Protein backbone atom coordinates (compact mmCIF):
# COMPACT_ATOMS: atom_id res chain seq x y z
CA UNK A 1 -9.09 -112.34 -73.52
CA UNK A 2 -12.44 -113.34 -71.99
CA UNK A 3 -13.66 -114.62 -68.62
CA UNK A 4 -16.40 -117.24 -68.41
CA UNK A 5 -18.15 -117.88 -65.10
CA UNK A 6 -19.38 -119.80 -63.28
CA UNK A 7 -18.13 -123.11 -64.60
CA UNK A 8 -19.90 -125.42 -63.95
CA UNK A 9 -22.96 -123.28 -64.65
CA UNK A 10 -26.53 -123.78 -63.48
CA UNK A 11 -28.78 -120.91 -64.65
CA UNK A 12 -26.70 -118.18 -66.32
CA UNK A 13 -23.26 -118.15 -67.95
CA UNK A 14 -21.59 -114.75 -67.87
CA UNK A 15 -18.90 -113.73 -70.35
CA UNK A 16 -16.81 -110.61 -69.78
CA UNK A 17 -13.75 -109.18 -71.45
CA UNK A 18 -10.35 -109.23 -69.73
CA UNK A 19 -9.10 -106.42 -71.92
CA UNK A 20 -7.83 -103.28 -70.25
CA UNK A 21 -9.84 -100.10 -70.76
CA UNK A 22 -7.07 -98.74 -73.04
CA UNK A 23 -7.32 -101.79 -75.31
CA UNK A 24 -11.10 -101.48 -75.42
CA UNK A 25 -10.85 -97.88 -76.60
CA UNK A 26 -8.43 -98.89 -79.36
CA UNK A 27 -10.71 -101.70 -80.50
CA UNK A 28 -14.10 -100.14 -79.80
CA UNK A 29 -15.29 -101.02 -83.31
CA UNK A 30 -14.51 -104.68 -82.72
CA UNK A 31 -17.47 -107.01 -82.85
CA UNK A 32 -17.54 -110.59 -81.65
CA UNK A 33 -19.57 -113.69 -82.44
CA UNK A 34 -20.51 -115.99 -79.56
CA UNK A 35 -21.58 -119.58 -80.24
CA UNK A 36 -22.37 -122.34 -77.75
CA UNK A 37 -22.26 -125.90 -79.10
CA UNK A 38 -23.61 -129.09 -77.54
CA UNK A 39 -21.34 -132.12 -77.24
CA UNK A 40 -22.85 -133.28 -80.55
CA UNK A 41 -21.70 -130.05 -82.31
CA UNK A 42 -25.25 -128.65 -82.48
CA UNK A 43 -25.54 -124.88 -82.04
CA UNK A 44 -27.64 -124.22 -78.92
CA UNK A 45 -26.93 -120.46 -78.64
CA UNK A 46 -25.58 -117.88 -81.08
CA UNK A 47 -25.04 -114.14 -80.89
CA UNK A 48 -23.48 -112.36 -83.87
CA UNK A 49 -21.81 -108.98 -84.25
CA UNK A 50 -22.08 -107.82 -80.67
CA UNK A 51 -19.90 -105.17 -79.06
CA UNK A 52 -21.23 -105.81 -75.54
CA UNK A 53 -18.60 -105.93 -72.79
CA UNK A 54 -20.70 -108.43 -70.83
CA UNK A 55 -22.91 -111.19 -72.20
CA UNK A 56 -25.23 -113.42 -70.20
CA UNK A 57 -26.44 -116.74 -71.61
CA UNK A 58 -29.40 -118.47 -69.97
CA UNK A 59 -28.60 -122.15 -69.55
CA UNK A 60 -31.58 -123.15 -67.38
CA UNK A 61 -33.41 -124.78 -70.33
CA UNK A 62 -30.35 -126.69 -71.56
CA UNK A 63 -29.77 -130.28 -70.44
CA UNK A 64 -26.84 -131.03 -68.17
CA UNK A 65 -23.63 -131.92 -69.95
CA UNK A 66 -20.52 -130.62 -71.63
CA UNK A 67 -20.75 -127.71 -74.07
CA UNK A 68 -18.21 -125.79 -76.11
CA UNK A 69 -18.17 -122.01 -76.21
CA UNK A 70 -16.51 -120.25 -79.16
CA UNK A 71 -15.89 -116.52 -79.19
CA UNK A 72 -14.71 -115.18 -82.52
CA UNK A 73 -13.10 -111.74 -82.69
CA UNK A 74 -11.77 -110.98 -86.16
CA UNK A 75 -9.64 -113.96 -87.15
CA UNK A 76 -9.09 -115.11 -83.55
CA UNK A 77 -11.30 -117.75 -81.94
CA UNK A 78 -11.21 -118.41 -78.21
CA UNK A 79 -12.61 -121.81 -77.20
CA UNK A 80 -13.71 -122.95 -73.76
CA UNK A 81 -15.34 -126.10 -72.43
CA UNK A 82 -18.40 -125.33 -70.30
CA UNK A 83 -20.17 -127.76 -67.97
CA UNK A 84 -23.88 -127.29 -67.33
CA UNK A 85 -25.00 -128.86 -64.06
CA UNK A 86 -28.43 -128.18 -62.52
């Protein structure tokens, strides 16, 4: 459903939807929640109720390591491991 790049990330993590334009029109009232967790399950970034087709998360202030990105759309949650490497 979503693309995350680059991975590993240095300065900015970009999230875009993989949905076709037709699907986006059908679900244009769909909002998502984006949460980035540290390896200790601490929330380091959170964006709620967004309908943006592209989201950029600045990672330049975050320490290097493994993080977990959760994107919640309705009842579905997509999870991805992200590596931050400066």
